[in-house]
Amino acid sequence: MQEASFTGLLRTIFIILLIYYAVKFVGRYLFPVFFNKLMKNMEKKVKEQQGYHEPDRNVNIGETTIDKAPRTHGGKDNNVGEYVDYEEVDD
């Protein structure tokens, strides 16, 4: 039967601490970088699936284009219901 040595115990503790700090470093500094890159790629794929394209920014510099929404009927809508006159009844 083998006995555990003190140097083996220290080496195991050192390896555990090394792994702990490596995971902590990756989690704090490298994971956000990879996560942001992943999110930008996913956003790009979603935009491609929806048919979105960015307008050319170099074309027509200095020209302003305004797309107006179509006019809706601004008046009252007479089909909202029927007015019913009522009287209060006292008992």
N, C-alpha and C. Protein backbone atom coordinates (compact mmCIF):
# COMPACT_ATOMS: atom_id res chain seq x y z
N MET A 1 0.83 -1.17 0.00
CA MET A 1 0.00 0.00 0.00
C MET A 1 0.88 1.25 0.00
N GLN A 2 0.45 2.26 -0.78
CA GLN A 2 1.23 3.48 -0.89
C GLN A 2 0.74 4.51 0.11
N GLU A 3 1.71 5.28 0.60
CA GLU A 3 1.37 6.36 1.50
C GLU A 3 1.48 7.69 0.76
N ALA A 4 0.63 8.62 1.13
CA ALA A 4 0.68 9.94 0.51
C ALA A 4 1.85 10.71 1.09
N SER A 5 2.58 11.37 0.22
CA SER A 5 3.71 12.16 0.68
C SER A 5 3.29 13.62 0.81
N PHE A 6 4.05 14.34 1.60
CA PHE A 6 3.76 15.76 1.80
C PHE A 6 3.97 16.54 0.52
N THR A 7 4.98 16.20 -0.26
CA THR A 7 5.23 16.91 -1.52
C THR A 7 4.12 16.61 -2.53
N GLY A 8 3.58 15.41 -2.52
CA GLY A 8 2.46 15.08 -3.42
C GLY A 8 1.23 15.88 -3.06
N LEU A 9 1.00 16.05 -1.75
CA LEU A 9 -0.13 16.86 -1.29
C LEU A 9 0.03 18.32 -1.71
N LEU A 10 1.23 18.86 -1.53
CA LEU A 10 1.47 20.25 -1.94
C LEU A 10 1.33 20.41 -3.45
N ARG A 11 1.82 19.44 -4.21
CA ARG A 11 1.69 19.50 -5.67
C ARG A 11 0.22 19.47 -6.09
N THR A 12 -0.60 18.65 -5.43
CA THR A 12 -2.03 18.57 -5.74
C THR A 12 -2.73 19.90 -5.42
N ILE A 13 -2.40 20.46 -4.27
CA ILE A 13 -2.99 21.76 -3.89
C ILE A 13 -2.56 22.83 -4.89
N PHE A 14 -1.31 22.83 -5.31
CA PHE A 14 -0.82 23.80 -6.29
C PHE A 14 -1.55 23.66 -7.61
N ILE A 15 -1.78 22.44 -8.08
CA ILE A 15 -2.49 22.21 -9.34
C ILE A 15 -3.93 22.68 -9.23
N ILE A 16 -4.57 22.42 -8.12
CA ILE A 16 -5.96 22.86 -7.92
C ILE A 16 -6.03 24.40 -7.94
N LEU A 17 -5.10 25.06 -7.25
CA LEU A 17 -5.09 26.53 -7.25
C LEU A 17 -4.79 27.09 -8.64
N LEU A 18 -3.88 26.43 -9.35
CA LEU A 18 -3.55 26.86 -10.70
C LEU A 18 -4.78 26.76 -11.62
N ILE A 19 -5.51 25.68 -11.54
CA ILE A 19 -6.73 25.50 -12.34
C ILE A 19 -7.77 26.53 -11.94
N TYR A 20 -7.91 26.78 -10.64
CA TYR A 20 -8.90 27.75 -10.15
C TYR A 20 -8.62 29.15 -10.72
N TYR A 21 -7.36 29.60 -10.64
CA TYR A 21 -7.03 30.93 -11.13
C TYR A 21 -7.08 31.01 -12.66
N ALA A 22 -6.78 29.92 -13.33
CA ALA A 22 -6.88 29.90 -14.80
C ALA A 22 -8.34 30.05 -15.22
N VAL A 23 -9.24 29.33 -14.56
CA VAL A 23 -10.67 29.44 -14.87
C VAL A 23 -11.18 30.85 -14.53
N LYS A 24 -10.71 31.39 -13.43
CA LYS A 24 -11.11 32.74 -13.02
C LYS A 24 -10.63 33.77 -14.05
N PHE A 25 -9.41 33.62 -14.55
CA PHE A 25 -8.87 34.53 -15.56
C PHE A 25 -9.67 34.44 -16.85
N VAL A 26 -9.94 33.24 -17.30
CA VAL A 26 -10.71 33.05 -18.54
C VAL A 26 -12.11 33.62 -18.37
N GLY A 27 -12.72 33.38 -17.23
CA GLY A 27 -14.06 33.87 -16.98
C GLY A 27 -14.15 35.38 -16.93
N ARG A 28 -13.13 36.02 -16.41
CA ARG A 28 -13.18 37.47 -16.24
C ARG A 28 -12.72 38.24 -17.47
N TYR A 29 -11.70 37.75 -18.17
CA TYR A 29 -11.11 38.53 -19.26
C TYR A 29 -11.40 37.99 -20.65
N LEU A 30 -11.30 36.70 -20.81
CA LEU A 30 -11.43 36.16 -22.15
C LEU A 30 -12.86 35.81 -22.53
N PHE A 31 -13.68 35.37 -21.58
CA PHE A 31 -15.06 35.00 -21.88
C PHE A 31 -15.87 36.16 -22.45
N PRO A 32 -15.79 37.38 -21.90
CA PRO A 32 -16.55 38.49 -22.50
C PRO A 32 -16.15 38.78 -23.94
N VAL A 33 -14.87 38.64 -24.26
CA VAL A 33 -14.43 38.88 -25.63
C VAL A 33 -15.05 37.86 -26.57
N PHE A 34 -14.99 36.59 -26.19
CA PHE A 34 -15.57 35.54 -27.03
C PHE A 34 -17.09 35.67 -27.10
N PHE A 35 -17.72 36.06 -25.99
CA PHE A 35 -19.18 36.21 -25.96
C PHE A 35 -19.62 37.35 -26.88
N ASN A 36 -18.91 38.49 -26.86
CA ASN A 36 -19.26 39.61 -27.73
C ASN A 36 -19.11 39.24 -29.19
N LYS A 37 -18.05 38.51 -29.52
CA LYS A 37 -17.85 38.08 -30.89
C LYS A 37 -18.96 37.12 -31.33
N LEU A 38 -19.36 36.21 -30.45
CA LEU A 38 -20.45 35.28 -30.74
C LEU A 38 -21.75 36.04 -30.96
N MET A 39 -22.04 37.04 -30.13
CA MET A 39 -23.28 37.79 -30.26
C MET A 39 -23.30 38.60 -31.56
N LYS A 40 -22.18 39.16 -31.96
CA LYS A 40 -22.14 39.91 -33.23
C LYS A 40 -22.37 38.99 -34.41
N ASN A 41 -21.81 37.79 -34.36
CA ASN A 41 -22.03 36.83 -35.44
C ASN A 41 -23.49 36.41 -35.51
N MET A 42 -24.11 36.17 -34.36
CA MET A 42 -25.52 35.78 -34.34
C MET A 42 -26.41 36.92 -34.84
N GLU A 43 -26.08 38.16 -34.45
CA GLU A 43 -26.85 39.32 -34.91
C GLU A 43 -26.75 39.45 -36.43
N LYS A 44 -25.57 39.22 -36.96
CA LYS A 44 -25.36 39.30 -38.40
C LYS A 44 -26.18 38.23 -39.12
N LYS A 45 -26.23 37.02 -38.58
CA LYS A 45 -27.01 35.94 -39.19
C LYS A 45 -28.51 36.26 -39.16
N VAL A 46 -28.99 36.82 -38.05
CA VAL A 46 -30.41 37.17 -37.94
C VAL A 46 -30.76 38.24 -38.95
N LYS A 47 -29.89 39.24 -39.10
CA LYS A 47 -30.15 40.30 -40.07
C LYS A 47 -30.18 39.76 -41.49
N GLU A 48 -29.30 38.81 -41.79
CA GLU A 48 -29.29 38.20 -43.12
C GLU A 48 -30.57 37.40 -43.36
N GLN A 49 -31.05 36.69 -42.33
CA GLN A 49 -32.27 35.90 -42.47
C GLN A 49 -33.49 36.79 -42.67
N GLN A 50 -33.50 37.96 -42.05
CA GLN A 50 -34.64 38.86 -42.16
C GLN A 50 -34.56 39.75 -43.40
N GLY A 51 -33.49 39.67 -44.14
CA GLY A 51 -33.36 40.45 -45.35
C GLY A 51 -32.97 41.89 -45.11
N TYR A 52 -32.41 42.19 -43.97
CA TYR A 52 -31.99 43.56 -43.65
C TYR A 52 -30.66 43.84 -44.32
N HIS A 53 -30.54 44.99 -44.92
CA HIS A 53 -29.26 45.42 -45.47
C HIS A 53 -29.03 46.88 -45.07
N GLU A 54 -27.80 47.19 -44.76
CA GLU A 54 -27.47 48.56 -44.36
C GLU A 54 -27.38 49.43 -45.59
N PRO A 55 -27.90 50.64 -45.52
CA PRO A 55 -27.80 51.54 -46.67
C PRO A 55 -26.36 51.96 -46.89
N ASP A 56 -26.04 52.24 -48.15
CA ASP A 56 -24.69 52.71 -48.47
C ASP A 56 -24.51 54.11 -47.93
N ARG A 57 -23.50 54.30 -47.14
CA ARG A 57 -23.29 55.60 -46.51
C ARG A 57 -22.49 56.55 -47.40
N ASN A 58 -21.79 56.03 -48.39
CA ASN A 58 -20.97 56.87 -49.25
C ASN A 58 -21.74 57.45 -50.43
N VAL A 59 -22.93 56.94 -50.68
CA VAL A 59 -23.71 57.38 -51.82
C VAL A 59 -24.53 58.60 -51.40
N ASN A 60 -24.61 59.60 -52.26
CA ASN A 60 -25.41 60.81 -52.07
C ASN A 60 -25.05 61.53 -50.78
N ILE A 61 -23.80 61.86 -50.62
CA ILE A 61 -23.38 62.59 -49.42
C ILE A 61 -23.96 63.99 -49.49
N GLY A 62 -24.60 64.41 -48.41
CA GLY A 62 -25.18 65.73 -48.33
C GLY A 62 -26.62 65.79 -48.78
N GLU A 63 -27.16 64.70 -49.28
CA GLU A 63 -28.55 64.68 -49.74
C GLU A 63 -29.40 64.04 -48.66
N THR A 64 -30.53 64.65 -48.37
CA THR A 64 -31.43 64.15 -47.35
C THR A 64 -32.69 63.61 -47.99
N THR A 65 -33.08 62.41 -47.60
CA THR A 65 -34.30 61.80 -48.10
C THR A 65 -35.22 61.54 -46.93
N ILE A 66 -36.47 62.00 -47.06
CA ILE A 66 -37.45 61.79 -46.00
C ILE A 66 -38.58 60.97 -46.59
N ASP A 67 -38.82 59.81 -46.00
CA ASP A 67 -39.95 58.98 -46.40
C ASP A 67 -41.10 59.27 -45.46
N LYS A 68 -42.18 59.81 -46.03
CA LYS A 68 -43.33 60.15 -45.20
C LYS A 68 -44.28 58.97 -45.12
N ALA A 69 -44.88 58.83 -43.96
CA ALA A 69 -45.88 57.78 -43.79
C ALA A 69 -47.15 58.20 -44.52
N PRO A 70 -47.90 57.26 -45.04
CA PRO A 70 -49.15 57.62 -45.72
C PRO A 70 -50.12 58.26 -44.75
N ARG A 71 -50.89 59.20 -45.26
CA ARG A 71 -51.84 59.89 -44.41
C ARG A 71 -52.99 58.96 -44.03
N THR A 72 -53.33 59.03 -42.79
CA THR A 72 -54.49 58.27 -42.32
C THR A 72 -55.64 59.24 -42.16
N HIS A 73 -56.83 58.72 -42.10
CA HIS A 73 -58.01 59.55 -41.94
C HIS A 73 -57.95 60.18 -40.56
N GLY A 74 -57.76 61.50 -40.52
CA GLY A 74 -57.57 62.19 -39.25
C GLY A 74 -58.86 62.59 -38.58
N GLY A 75 -59.99 62.47 -39.25
CA GLY A 75 -61.25 62.91 -38.66
C GLY A 75 -61.81 61.89 -37.70
N LYS A 76 -63.01 62.22 -37.20
CA LYS A 76 -63.68 61.31 -36.28
C LYS A 76 -64.20 60.09 -37.02
N ASP A 77 -64.18 59.01 -36.35
CA ASP A 77 -64.75 57.79 -36.91
C ASP A 77 -66.19 57.70 -36.43
N ASN A 78 -67.14 57.80 -37.36
CA ASN A 78 -68.55 57.82 -36.98
C ASN A 78 -69.11 56.43 -36.67
N ASN A 79 -68.36 55.41 -36.87
CA ASN A 79 -68.83 54.05 -36.61
C ASN A 79 -68.37 53.53 -35.26
N VAL A 80 -68.34 54.41 -34.26
CA VAL A 80 -67.88 53.97 -32.95
C VAL A 80 -69.01 53.40 -32.11
N GLY A 81 -70.25 53.56 -32.52
CA GLY A 81 -71.37 53.02 -31.76
C GLY A 81 -72.53 53.99 -31.75
N GLU A 82 -73.54 53.61 -31.04
CA GLU A 82 -74.76 54.40 -31.00
C GLU A 82 -74.85 55.09 -29.65
N TYR A 83 -75.24 56.39 -29.65
CA TYR A 83 -75.38 57.13 -28.41
C TYR A 83 -76.74 56.80 -27.80
N VAL A 84 -76.73 56.45 -26.53
CA VAL A 84 -77.97 56.12 -25.83
C VAL A 84 -78.14 57.10 -24.69
N ASP A 85 -79.26 57.84 -24.72
CA ASP A 85 -79.57 58.78 -23.66
C ASP A 85 -80.17 57.99 -22.50
N TYR A 86 -79.82 58.36 -21.30
CA TYR A 86 -80.34 57.64 -20.14
C TYR A 86 -80.82 58.63 -19.11
N GLU A 87 -81.69 58.12 -18.25
CA GLU A 87 -82.21 58.91 -17.15
C GLU A 87 -81.92 58.16 -15.88
N GLU A 88 -81.61 58.92 -14.84
CA GLU A 88 -81.34 58.30 -13.55
C GLU A 88 -82.66 58.11 -12.84
N VAL A 89 -82.85 56.93 -12.30
CA VAL A 89 -84.11 56.61 -11.60
C VAL A 89 -83.84 56.59 -10.11
N ASP A 90 -84.67 57.39 -9.35
CA ASP A 90 -84.55 57.39 -7.88
C ASP A 90 -85.58 56.45 -7.29
N ASP A 91 -85.17 55.68 -6.35
CA ASP A 91 -86.10 54.75 -5.67
C ASP A 91 -86.71 55.38 -4.47
